[in-house]
Amino acid sequence: MTYISAADWWDLLPAGVREQVDGYVLQDARMRAVRAVFEAGRARGLGLVDAQLVVHERYLLHGDRIARTPESPLDLESLAARAAGAAGRVVVIEAVWDGDTVHDWFVDLLAVTADPASELRLATIYRSTAVRHLGDVDLGPLHPSAAAAESAGRALAAHLAVPFHFVSPHTPDDQVERWKP
């Protein structure tokens, strides 16, 4: 079987698809770019991993020209303002793991409400967001996203006088039991 590099896959894509992919990359829409590459190259044998590598190379090429998606603010004032916009009365601040092929594991910080029962995502804490927020703090065994969620979530919960709930701060797991009243 012949190895085809990301650059060769890129050259095999139609010009219109290459233009579309670069547009997505410049907008920091990685998953849309991967999908466009995958759909256009699948008939020629391009797999999903190859599509991700092609898009990764485009990210490296465009570098600082990419309009990066802003990271969620984790300061108490911003989180409190977001929580104040919840549809109901906030009854708990909860941190839950999630993950994807682009960001690996990350934590969503949620305001869980009653009257009506719902939840509002206050922040998505990727590794880069966590490192920016925490600086050079010793995290011990915690994943940076978990450490930042613990810090910001506990501060917000104390400010709102509600409990903070994070079932699995030491082990990324998106299947753990959620908070129940």
N, C-alpha and C. Protein backbone atom coordinates (compact mmCIF):
# COMPACT_ATOMS: atom_id res chain seq x y z
N MET A 1 0.84 -1.18 0.00
CA MET A 1 0.00 0.00 0.00
C MET A 1 0.89 1.24 0.00
N THR A 2 0.55 2.20 -0.81
CA THR A 2 1.34 3.42 -0.95
C THR A 2 0.89 4.45 0.07
N TYR A 3 1.88 5.06 0.74
CA TYR A 3 1.59 6.12 1.71
C TYR A 3 1.36 7.43 0.96
N ILE A 4 0.29 8.11 1.32
CA ILE A 4 0.01 9.43 0.74
C ILE A 4 0.09 10.44 1.86
N SER A 5 0.93 11.45 1.70
CA SER A 5 1.13 12.47 2.74
C SER A 5 -0.05 13.44 2.76
N ALA A 6 -0.13 14.20 3.84
CA ALA A 6 -1.18 15.23 3.95
C ALA A 6 -1.07 16.23 2.81
N ALA A 7 0.16 16.59 2.44
CA ALA A 7 0.36 17.55 1.34
C ALA A 7 -0.14 16.96 0.02
N ASP A 8 0.10 15.65 -0.18
CA ASP A 8 -0.38 15.01 -1.42
C ASP A 8 -1.91 14.93 -1.43
N TRP A 9 -2.51 14.60 -0.29
CA TRP A 9 -3.98 14.59 -0.21
C TRP A 9 -4.51 15.98 -0.54
N TRP A 10 -3.86 17.01 0.00
CA TRP A 10 -4.29 18.39 -0.24
C TRP A 10 -4.29 18.67 -1.75
N ASP A 11 -3.22 18.26 -2.41
CA ASP A 11 -3.11 18.50 -3.85
C ASP A 11 -4.16 17.74 -4.65
N LEU A 12 -4.63 16.61 -4.14
CA LEU A 12 -5.64 15.82 -4.84
C LEU A 12 -7.05 16.38 -4.70
N LEU A 13 -7.26 17.28 -3.74
CA LEU A 13 -8.59 17.86 -3.54
C LEU A 13 -8.88 18.90 -4.62
N PRO A 14 -10.13 19.02 -5.06
CA PRO A 14 -10.49 20.05 -6.03
C PRO A 14 -10.23 21.45 -5.47
N ALA A 15 -9.92 22.38 -6.34
CA ALA A 15 -9.58 23.74 -5.93
C ALA A 15 -10.69 24.38 -5.09
N GLY A 16 -11.93 24.16 -5.45
CA GLY A 16 -13.04 24.74 -4.69
C GLY A 16 -13.11 24.21 -3.27
N VAL A 17 -12.84 22.93 -3.11
CA VAL A 17 -12.84 22.33 -1.78
C VAL A 17 -11.66 22.88 -0.98
N ARG A 18 -10.49 23.01 -1.61
CA ARG A 18 -9.32 23.57 -0.92
C ARG A 18 -9.62 24.99 -0.44
N GLU A 19 -10.28 25.77 -1.25
CA GLU A 19 -10.64 27.14 -0.87
C GLU A 19 -11.63 27.13 0.31
N GLN A 20 -12.60 26.23 0.25
CA GLN A 20 -13.58 26.11 1.34
C GLN A 20 -12.89 25.70 2.64
N VAL A 21 -12.00 24.73 2.57
CA VAL A 21 -11.30 24.24 3.75
C VAL A 21 -10.46 25.36 4.36
N ASP A 22 -9.72 26.08 3.54
CA ASP A 22 -8.92 27.18 4.08
C ASP A 22 -9.82 28.25 4.71
N GLY A 23 -10.99 28.48 4.14
CA GLY A 23 -11.93 29.41 4.75
C GLY A 23 -12.36 28.95 6.13
N TYR A 24 -12.67 27.66 6.25
CA TYR A 24 -13.03 27.11 7.56
C TYR A 24 -11.86 27.20 8.54
N VAL A 25 -10.67 26.88 8.08
CA VAL A 25 -9.50 26.95 8.95
C VAL A 25 -9.29 28.38 9.44
N LEU A 26 -9.38 29.34 8.55
CA LEU A 26 -9.17 30.74 8.94
C LEU A 26 -10.23 31.23 9.92
N GLN A 27 -11.40 30.57 9.93
CA GLN A 27 -12.46 30.89 10.89
C GLN A 27 -12.36 30.03 12.15
N ASP A 28 -11.35 29.19 12.24
CA ASP A 28 -11.14 28.27 13.35
C ASP A 28 -12.31 27.29 13.48
N ALA A 29 -12.82 26.85 12.35
CA ALA A 29 -13.91 25.88 12.30
C ALA A 29 -13.32 24.52 11.90
N ARG A 30 -12.54 23.96 12.79
CA ARG A 30 -11.77 22.74 12.50
C ARG A 30 -12.65 21.58 12.06
N MET A 31 -13.74 21.31 12.76
CA MET A 31 -14.56 20.15 12.42
C MET A 31 -15.22 20.31 11.04
N ARG A 32 -15.62 21.52 10.69
CA ARG A 32 -16.19 21.73 9.35
C ARG A 32 -15.13 21.50 8.28
N ALA A 33 -13.91 21.95 8.55
CA ALA A 33 -12.81 21.74 7.61
C ALA A 33 -12.53 20.25 7.43
N VAL A 34 -12.46 19.52 8.54
CA VAL A 34 -12.22 18.07 8.47
C VAL A 34 -13.33 17.39 7.67
N ARG A 35 -14.55 17.78 7.95
CA ARG A 35 -15.67 17.16 7.22
C ARG A 35 -15.58 17.43 5.72
N ALA A 36 -15.24 18.66 5.34
CA ALA A 36 -15.14 19.00 3.92
C ALA A 36 -14.03 18.18 3.25
N VAL A 37 -12.88 18.05 3.91
CA VAL A 37 -11.78 17.25 3.35
C VAL A 37 -12.20 15.79 3.25
N PHE A 38 -12.78 15.27 4.31
CA PHE A 38 -13.17 13.86 4.34
C PHE A 38 -14.19 13.54 3.25
N GLU A 39 -15.22 14.37 3.13
CA GLU A 39 -16.26 14.10 2.14
C GLU A 39 -15.73 14.19 0.71
N ALA A 40 -14.82 15.13 0.46
CA ALA A 40 -14.29 15.28 -0.89
C ALA A 40 -13.25 14.22 -1.24
N GLY A 41 -12.55 13.69 -0.23
CA GLY A 41 -11.49 12.74 -0.50
C GLY A 41 -11.84 11.29 -0.26
N ARG A 42 -12.97 11.04 0.36
CA ARG A 42 -13.36 9.67 0.73
C ARG A 42 -13.39 8.73 -0.47
N ALA A 43 -13.91 9.20 -1.61
CA ALA A 43 -14.01 8.34 -2.80
C ALA A 43 -12.63 7.91 -3.31
N ARG A 44 -11.59 8.68 -2.97
CA ARG A 44 -10.22 8.34 -3.41
C ARG A 44 -9.45 7.58 -2.33
N GLY A 45 -10.14 7.24 -1.22
CA GLY A 45 -9.49 6.45 -0.18
C GLY A 45 -9.00 7.24 1.02
N LEU A 46 -9.27 8.52 1.06
CA LEU A 46 -8.87 9.34 2.20
C LEU A 46 -9.73 8.98 3.41
N GLY A 47 -9.08 8.65 4.52
CA GLY A 47 -9.79 8.32 5.74
C GLY A 47 -9.93 9.53 6.66
N LEU A 48 -10.63 9.33 7.75
CA LEU A 48 -10.87 10.41 8.69
C LEU A 48 -9.56 10.91 9.32
N VAL A 49 -8.67 10.01 9.68
CA VAL A 49 -7.39 10.42 10.26
C VAL A 49 -6.60 11.25 9.25
N ASP A 50 -6.61 10.82 7.99
CA ASP A 50 -5.92 11.59 6.96
C ASP A 50 -6.54 12.98 6.81
N ALA A 51 -7.86 13.06 6.87
CA ALA A 51 -8.54 14.36 6.77
C ALA A 51 -8.12 15.27 7.93
N GLN A 52 -8.01 14.70 9.13
CA GLN A 52 -7.57 15.49 10.28
C GLN A 52 -6.13 15.98 10.08
N LEU A 53 -5.28 15.12 9.54
CA LEU A 53 -3.89 15.52 9.29
C LEU A 53 -3.79 16.62 8.23
N VAL A 54 -4.61 16.53 7.19
CA VAL A 54 -4.64 17.58 6.17
C VAL A 54 -5.01 18.91 6.80
N VAL A 55 -6.05 18.90 7.61
CA VAL A 55 -6.51 20.14 8.25
C VAL A 55 -5.47 20.64 9.25
N HIS A 56 -4.85 19.75 9.98
CA HIS A 56 -3.79 20.15 10.91
C HIS A 56 -2.67 20.89 10.16
N GLU A 57 -2.28 20.36 9.01
CA GLU A 57 -1.24 21.02 8.21
C GLU A 57 -1.68 22.41 7.76
N ARG A 58 -2.96 22.57 7.44
CA ARG A 58 -3.47 23.89 7.03
C ARG A 58 -3.43 24.86 8.21
N TYR A 59 -3.74 24.36 9.42
CA TYR A 59 -3.64 25.19 10.62
C TYR A 59 -2.20 25.65 10.83
N LEU A 60 -1.25 24.74 10.65
CA LEU A 60 0.15 25.11 10.80
C LEU A 60 0.56 26.14 9.76
N LEU A 61 0.08 25.98 8.53
CA LEU A 61 0.41 26.91 7.45
C LEU A 61 -0.13 28.32 7.74
N HIS A 62 -1.38 28.39 8.16
CA HIS A 62 -2.03 29.69 8.35
C HIS A 62 -1.67 30.36 9.68
N GLY A 63 -1.32 29.59 10.68
CA GLY A 63 -0.80 30.10 11.95
C GLY A 63 -1.56 31.28 12.53
N ASP A 64 -0.89 32.42 12.64
CA ASP A 64 -1.45 33.61 13.29
C ASP A 64 -2.57 34.27 12.50
N ARG A 65 -2.80 33.86 11.28
CA ARG A 65 -3.89 34.45 10.48
C ARG A 65 -5.25 33.90 10.88
N ILE A 66 -5.26 32.82 11.66
CA ILE A 66 -6.51 32.18 12.05
C ILE A 66 -7.21 33.01 13.11
N ALA A 67 -8.48 33.28 12.89
CA ALA A 67 -9.31 34.01 13.87
C ALA A 67 -9.74 33.00 14.93
N ARG A 68 -8.93 32.84 15.95
CA ARG A 68 -9.17 31.81 16.96
C ARG A 68 -10.47 32.08 17.72
N THR A 69 -11.17 31.00 18.03
CA THR A 69 -12.38 31.08 18.83
C THR A 69 -11.99 31.54 20.23
N PRO A 70 -12.63 32.57 20.75
CA PRO A 70 -12.26 33.06 22.08
C PRO A 70 -12.50 32.01 23.16
N GLU A 71 -11.62 31.99 24.15
CA GLU A 71 -11.77 31.07 25.26
C GLU A 71 -12.79 31.62 26.26
N SER A 72 -13.41 30.74 27.00
CA SER A 72 -14.38 31.15 28.01
C SER A 72 -13.68 31.89 29.15
N PRO A 73 -14.28 32.98 29.61
CA PRO A 73 -13.70 33.65 30.79
C PRO A 73 -13.99 32.83 32.04
N LEU A 74 -13.02 32.80 32.96
CA LEU A 74 -13.19 32.03 34.19
C LEU A 74 -13.12 32.90 35.43
N ASP A 75 -13.11 34.22 35.27
CA ASP A 75 -13.09 35.08 36.44
C ASP A 75 -14.47 35.08 37.10
N LEU A 76 -14.49 35.30 38.39
CA LEU A 76 -15.73 35.22 39.17
C LEU A 76 -16.79 36.18 38.65
N GLU A 77 -16.41 37.40 38.33
CA GLU A 77 -17.39 38.39 37.88
C GLU A 77 -18.08 37.94 36.59
N SER A 78 -17.32 37.43 35.64
CA SER A 78 -17.90 36.98 34.37
C SER A 78 -18.80 35.76 34.57
N LEU A 79 -18.34 34.80 35.37
CA LEU A 79 -19.16 33.61 35.62
C LEU A 79 -20.44 33.96 36.36
N ALA A 80 -20.36 34.86 37.33
CA ALA A 80 -21.55 35.27 38.08
C ALA A 80 -22.55 35.98 37.16
N ALA A 81 -22.04 36.80 36.25
CA ALA A 81 -22.92 37.49 35.31
C ALA A 81 -23.62 36.49 34.40
N ARG A 82 -22.89 35.46 33.94
CA ARG A 82 -23.50 34.44 33.09
C ARG A 82 -24.55 33.65 33.88
N ALA A 83 -24.23 33.30 35.14
CA ALA A 83 -25.16 32.53 35.97
C ALA A 83 -26.43 33.35 36.24
N ALA A 84 -26.28 34.65 36.39
CA ALA A 84 -27.44 35.51 36.64
C ALA A 84 -28.41 35.49 35.47
N GLY A 85 -27.94 35.13 34.29
CA GLY A 85 -28.80 35.07 33.11
C GLY A 85 -29.51 33.73 32.93
N ALA A 86 -29.34 32.82 33.89
CA ALA A 86 -30.01 31.52 33.80
C ALA A 86 -31.52 31.69 33.87
N ALA A 87 -32.23 30.78 33.22
CA ALA A 87 -33.70 30.86 33.14
C ALA A 87 -34.38 30.63 34.48
N GLY A 88 -33.75 29.92 35.37
CA GLY A 88 -34.35 29.63 36.67
C GLY A 88 -33.41 29.94 37.81
N ARG A 89 -33.79 29.51 39.00
CA ARG A 89 -32.98 29.71 40.20
C ARG A 89 -31.83 28.71 40.19
N VAL A 90 -30.58 29.21 40.29
CA VAL A 90 -29.40 28.34 40.29
C VAL A 90 -29.37 27.57 41.60
N VAL A 91 -29.30 26.22 41.50
CA VAL A 91 -29.30 25.38 42.71
C VAL A 91 -27.96 24.67 42.92
N VAL A 92 -27.14 24.58 41.88
CA VAL A 92 -25.82 23.97 42.01
C VAL A 92 -24.95 24.41 40.82
N ILE A 93 -23.66 24.52 41.07
CA ILE A 93 -22.69 24.69 40.00
C ILE A 93 -22.05 23.32 39.81
N GLU A 94 -22.08 22.83 38.57
CA GLU A 94 -21.59 21.48 38.31
C GLU A 94 -20.51 21.50 37.23
N ALA A 95 -19.49 20.69 37.45
CA ALA A 95 -18.45 20.49 36.46
C ALA A 95 -18.59 19.09 35.89
N VAL A 96 -18.61 18.98 34.57
CA VAL A 96 -18.75 17.68 33.92
C VAL A 96 -17.71 17.55 32.81
N TRP A 97 -17.16 16.35 32.70
CA TRP A 97 -16.18 16.06 31.66
C TRP A 97 -16.86 15.91 30.31
N ASP A 98 -16.14 16.30 29.27
CA ASP A 98 -16.53 16.03 27.90
C ASP A 98 -15.23 15.89 27.11
N GLY A 99 -15.33 15.50 25.88
CA GLY A 99 -14.13 15.36 25.08
C GLY A 99 -14.46 15.21 23.62
N ASP A 100 -13.48 15.48 22.79
CA ASP A 100 -13.63 15.29 21.36
C ASP A 100 -12.25 15.05 20.75
N THR A 101 -12.23 14.79 19.47
CA THR A 101 -10.97 14.46 18.81
C THR A 101 -10.08 15.69 18.62
N VAL A 102 -10.64 16.88 18.71
CA VAL A 102 -9.85 18.10 18.53
C VAL A 102 -9.22 18.54 19.84
N HIS A 103 -9.99 18.57 20.91
CA HIS A 103 -9.54 19.15 22.18
C HIS A 103 -9.14 18.12 23.23
N ASP A 104 -9.31 16.83 22.95
CA ASP A 104 -9.09 15.79 23.94
C ASP A 104 -10.12 16.01 25.06
N TRP A 105 -9.74 15.81 26.32
CA TRP A 105 -10.68 15.99 27.44
C TRP A 105 -10.76 17.46 27.83
N PHE A 106 -11.96 17.90 28.18
CA PHE A 106 -12.19 19.24 28.71
C PHE A 106 -13.35 19.18 29.69
N VAL A 107 -13.60 20.28 30.40
CA VAL A 107 -14.65 20.31 31.41
C VAL A 107 -15.63 21.44 31.07
N ASP A 108 -16.91 21.13 31.15
CA ASP A 108 -17.95 22.16 31.05
C ASP A 108 -18.38 22.55 32.45
N LEU A 109 -18.44 23.84 32.71
CA LEU A 109 -18.92 24.36 33.98
C LEU A 109 -20.36 24.81 33.76
N LEU A 110 -21.28 24.23 34.53
CA LEU A 110 -22.71 24.43 34.32
C LEU A 110 -23.38 25.05 35.54
N ALA A 111 -24.38 25.87 35.29
CA ALA A 111 -25.29 26.33 36.34
C ALA A 111 -26.56 25.49 36.18
N VAL A 112 -26.85 24.66 37.16
CA VAL A 112 -28.06 23.83 37.14
C VAL A 112 -29.15 24.60 37.86
N THR A 113 -30.32 24.68 37.23
CA THR A 113 -31.39 25.51 37.78
C THR A 113 -32.63 24.68 38.12
N ALA A 114 -33.46 25.29 38.94
CA ALA A 114 -34.80 24.77 39.25
C ALA A 114 -35.78 25.88 38.92
N ASP A 115 -37.00 25.52 38.67
CA ASP A 115 -38.07 26.52 38.40
C ASP A 115 -37.74 27.44 37.24
N PRO A 116 -37.53 27.01 36.05
CA PRO A 116 -37.63 25.66 35.50
C PRO A 116 -36.31 24.90 35.66
N ALA A 117 -36.42 23.58 35.64
CA ALA A 117 -35.24 22.71 35.70
C ALA A 117 -34.53 22.76 34.36
N SER A 118 -33.29 23.20 34.39
CA SER A 118 -32.48 23.26 33.17
C SER A 118 -31.02 23.43 33.57
N GLU A 119 -30.18 23.64 32.59
CA GLU A 119 -28.79 23.93 32.86
C GLU A 119 -28.29 24.93 31.83
N LEU A 120 -27.35 25.74 32.27
CA LEU A 120 -26.75 26.75 31.41
C LEU A 120 -25.25 26.54 31.43
N ARG A 121 -24.65 26.36 30.25
CA ARG A 121 -23.20 26.22 30.18
C ARG A 121 -22.57 27.59 30.42
N LEU A 122 -21.80 27.69 31.49
CA LEU A 122 -21.15 28.95 31.84
C LEU A 122 -19.79 29.08 31.17
N ALA A 123 -19.09 27.96 31.03
CA ALA A 123 -17.76 27.97 30.42
C ALA A 123 -17.40 26.58 29.96
N THR A 124 -16.62 26.52 28.89
CA THR A 124 -15.99 25.29 28.45
C THR A 124 -14.51 25.47 28.72
N ILE A 125 -13.95 24.58 29.52
CA ILE A 125 -12.58 24.75 29.98
C ILE A 125 -11.68 23.73 29.28
N TYR A 126 -11.10 24.19 28.17
CA TYR A 126 -10.11 23.39 27.45
C TYR A 126 -8.77 23.49 28.19
N ARG A 127 -7.83 22.63 27.86
CA ARG A 127 -6.50 22.67 28.48
C ARG A 127 -5.91 24.07 28.34
N SER A 128 -5.99 24.67 27.16
CA SER A 128 -5.39 26.00 26.95
C SER A 128 -6.06 27.05 27.82
N THR A 129 -7.37 26.96 27.98
CA THR A 129 -8.10 27.89 28.86
C THR A 129 -7.62 27.72 30.29
N ALA A 130 -7.47 26.48 30.72
CA ALA A 130 -7.05 26.18 32.08
C ALA A 130 -5.65 26.71 32.36
N VAL A 131 -4.74 26.48 31.45
CA VAL A 131 -3.36 26.94 31.62
C VAL A 131 -3.31 28.46 31.70
N ARG A 132 -4.09 29.13 30.84
CA ARG A 132 -4.15 30.59 30.87
C ARG A 132 -4.69 31.07 32.22
N HIS A 133 -5.71 30.41 32.71
CA HIS A 133 -6.36 30.82 33.96
C HIS A 133 -5.50 30.54 35.19
N LEU A 134 -4.85 29.40 35.22
CA LEU A 134 -4.12 28.98 36.41
C LEU A 134 -2.67 29.47 36.45
N GLY A 135 -2.10 29.75 35.31
CA GLY A 135 -0.70 30.16 35.29
C GLY A 135 0.22 29.02 35.67
N ASP A 136 1.20 29.29 36.51
CA ASP A 136 2.21 28.29 36.89
C ASP A 136 1.88 27.57 38.19
N VAL A 137 0.61 27.45 38.53
CA VAL A 137 0.19 26.79 39.76
C VAL A 137 0.49 25.28 39.66
N ASP A 138 0.97 24.69 40.75
CA ASP A 138 1.19 23.24 40.79
C ASP A 138 -0.17 22.56 40.85
N LEU A 139 -0.47 21.75 39.84
CA LEU A 139 -1.78 21.10 39.73
C LEU A 139 -1.83 19.76 40.44
N GLY A 140 -0.69 19.27 40.87
CA GLY A 140 -0.67 17.93 41.44
C GLY A 140 -1.12 16.93 40.39
N PRO A 141 -1.95 15.96 40.77
CA PRO A 141 -2.36 14.93 39.81
C PRO A 141 -3.53 15.35 38.90
N LEU A 142 -4.08 16.54 39.11
CA LEU A 142 -5.26 16.94 38.34
C LEU A 142 -4.92 17.36 36.92
N HIS A 143 -5.79 17.01 36.00
CA HIS A 143 -5.75 17.52 34.63
C HIS A 143 -5.95 19.03 34.75
N PRO A 144 -5.28 19.85 33.94
CA PRO A 144 -5.44 21.31 34.04
C PRO A 144 -6.90 21.77 33.95
N SER A 145 -7.69 21.14 33.10
CA SER A 145 -9.10 21.53 32.97
C SER A 145 -9.86 21.26 34.26
N ALA A 146 -9.55 20.15 34.92
CA ALA A 146 -10.21 19.83 36.20
C ALA A 146 -9.79 20.80 37.28
N ALA A 147 -8.52 21.14 37.33
CA ALA A 147 -8.03 22.08 38.34
C ALA A 147 -8.68 23.46 38.16
N ALA A 148 -8.78 23.92 36.93
CA ALA A 148 -9.41 25.22 36.67
C ALA A 148 -10.90 25.18 36.99
N ALA A 149 -11.57 24.06 36.68
CA ALA A 149 -12.99 23.92 36.99
C ALA A 149 -13.21 23.91 38.49
N GLU A 150 -12.35 23.21 39.21
CA GLU A 150 -12.44 23.18 40.68
C GLU A 150 -12.30 24.59 41.23
N SER A 151 -11.29 25.30 40.79
CA SER A 151 -11.01 26.65 41.30
C SER A 151 -12.15 27.62 40.98
N ALA A 152 -12.50 27.72 39.70
CA ALA A 152 -13.54 28.68 39.29
C ALA A 152 -14.92 28.25 39.77
N GLY A 153 -15.21 26.94 39.70
CA GLY A 153 -16.52 26.44 40.12
C GLY A 153 -16.78 26.61 41.60
N ARG A 154 -15.78 26.30 42.41
CA ARG A 154 -15.95 26.46 43.86
C ARG A 154 -16.11 27.93 44.25
N ALA A 155 -15.35 28.80 43.60
CA ALA A 155 -15.47 30.23 43.90
C ALA A 155 -16.86 30.74 43.52
N LEU A 156 -17.36 30.33 42.36
CA LEU A 156 -18.69 30.77 41.94
C LEU A 156 -19.77 30.19 42.85
N ALA A 157 -19.66 28.91 43.18
CA ALA A 157 -20.65 28.29 44.07
C ALA A 157 -20.68 28.99 45.42
N ALA A 158 -19.52 29.32 45.97
CA ALA A 158 -19.47 30.04 47.25
C ALA A 158 -20.11 31.41 47.11
N HIS A 159 -19.83 32.09 46.01
CA HIS A 159 -20.41 33.42 45.75
C HIS A 159 -21.94 33.36 45.68
N LEU A 160 -22.45 32.29 45.06
CA LEU A 160 -23.90 32.14 44.90
C LEU A 160 -24.55 31.41 46.08
N ALA A 161 -23.73 30.93 47.01
CA ALA A 161 -24.21 30.18 48.18
C ALA A 161 -24.98 28.93 47.76
N VAL A 162 -24.41 28.19 46.80
CA VAL A 162 -24.97 26.92 46.34
C VAL A 162 -23.85 25.88 46.37
N PRO A 163 -24.19 24.59 46.32
CA PRO A 163 -23.14 23.56 46.30
C PRO A 163 -22.37 23.55 44.97
N PHE A 164 -21.17 23.01 45.02
CA PHE A 164 -20.37 22.73 43.83
C PHE A 164 -20.30 21.21 43.70
N HIS A 165 -20.52 20.70 42.48
CA HIS A 165 -20.55 19.25 42.26
C HIS A 165 -19.61 18.90 41.11
N PHE A 166 -18.64 18.03 41.38
CA PHE A 166 -17.72 17.51 40.36
C PHE A 166 -17.39 16.08 40.77
N VAL A 167 -18.06 15.11 40.16
CA VAL A 167 -17.97 13.73 40.58
C VAL A 167 -16.57 13.14 40.36
N SER A 168 -15.93 13.47 39.27
CA SER A 168 -14.71 12.76 38.90
C SER A 168 -13.57 13.72 38.54
N PRO A 169 -13.12 14.56 39.46
CA PRO A 169 -12.08 15.53 39.10
C PRO A 169 -10.72 14.88 38.78
N HIS A 170 -10.46 13.70 39.31
CA HIS A 170 -9.15 13.07 39.11
C HIS A 170 -9.07 12.19 37.87
N THR A 171 -10.23 11.80 37.33
CA THR A 171 -10.24 10.90 36.18
C THR A 171 -11.26 11.38 35.16
N PRO A 172 -10.83 11.77 33.96
CA PRO A 172 -11.80 12.17 32.94
C PRO A 172 -12.79 11.05 32.65
N ASP A 173 -14.07 11.37 32.77
CA ASP A 173 -15.12 10.38 32.56
C ASP A 173 -16.42 11.12 32.25
N ASP A 174 -16.92 10.96 31.04
CA ASP A 174 -18.15 11.66 30.66
C ASP A 174 -19.40 10.80 30.87
N GLN A 175 -19.24 9.69 31.61
CA GLN A 175 -20.39 8.80 31.86
C GLN A 175 -20.78 8.76 33.35
N VAL A 176 -20.20 9.62 34.17
CA VAL A 176 -20.51 9.59 35.61
C VAL A 176 -21.91 10.14 35.88
N GLU A 177 -22.40 9.81 37.05
CA GLU A 177 -23.74 10.27 37.43
C GLU A 177 -23.73 11.77 37.67
N ARG A 178 -24.72 12.42 37.15
CA ARG A 178 -24.86 13.88 37.30
C ARG A 178 -25.54 14.21 38.63
N TRP A 179 -25.49 15.48 39.01
CA TRP A 179 -26.08 15.96 40.24
C TRP A 179 -27.59 15.74 40.21
N LYS A 180 -28.11 15.33 41.36
CA LYS A 180 -29.57 15.18 41.51
C LYS A 180 -29.97 15.89 42.79
N PRO A 181 -31.10 16.61 42.73
CA PRO A 181 -31.55 17.36 43.93
C PRO A 181 -31.98 16.43 45.05
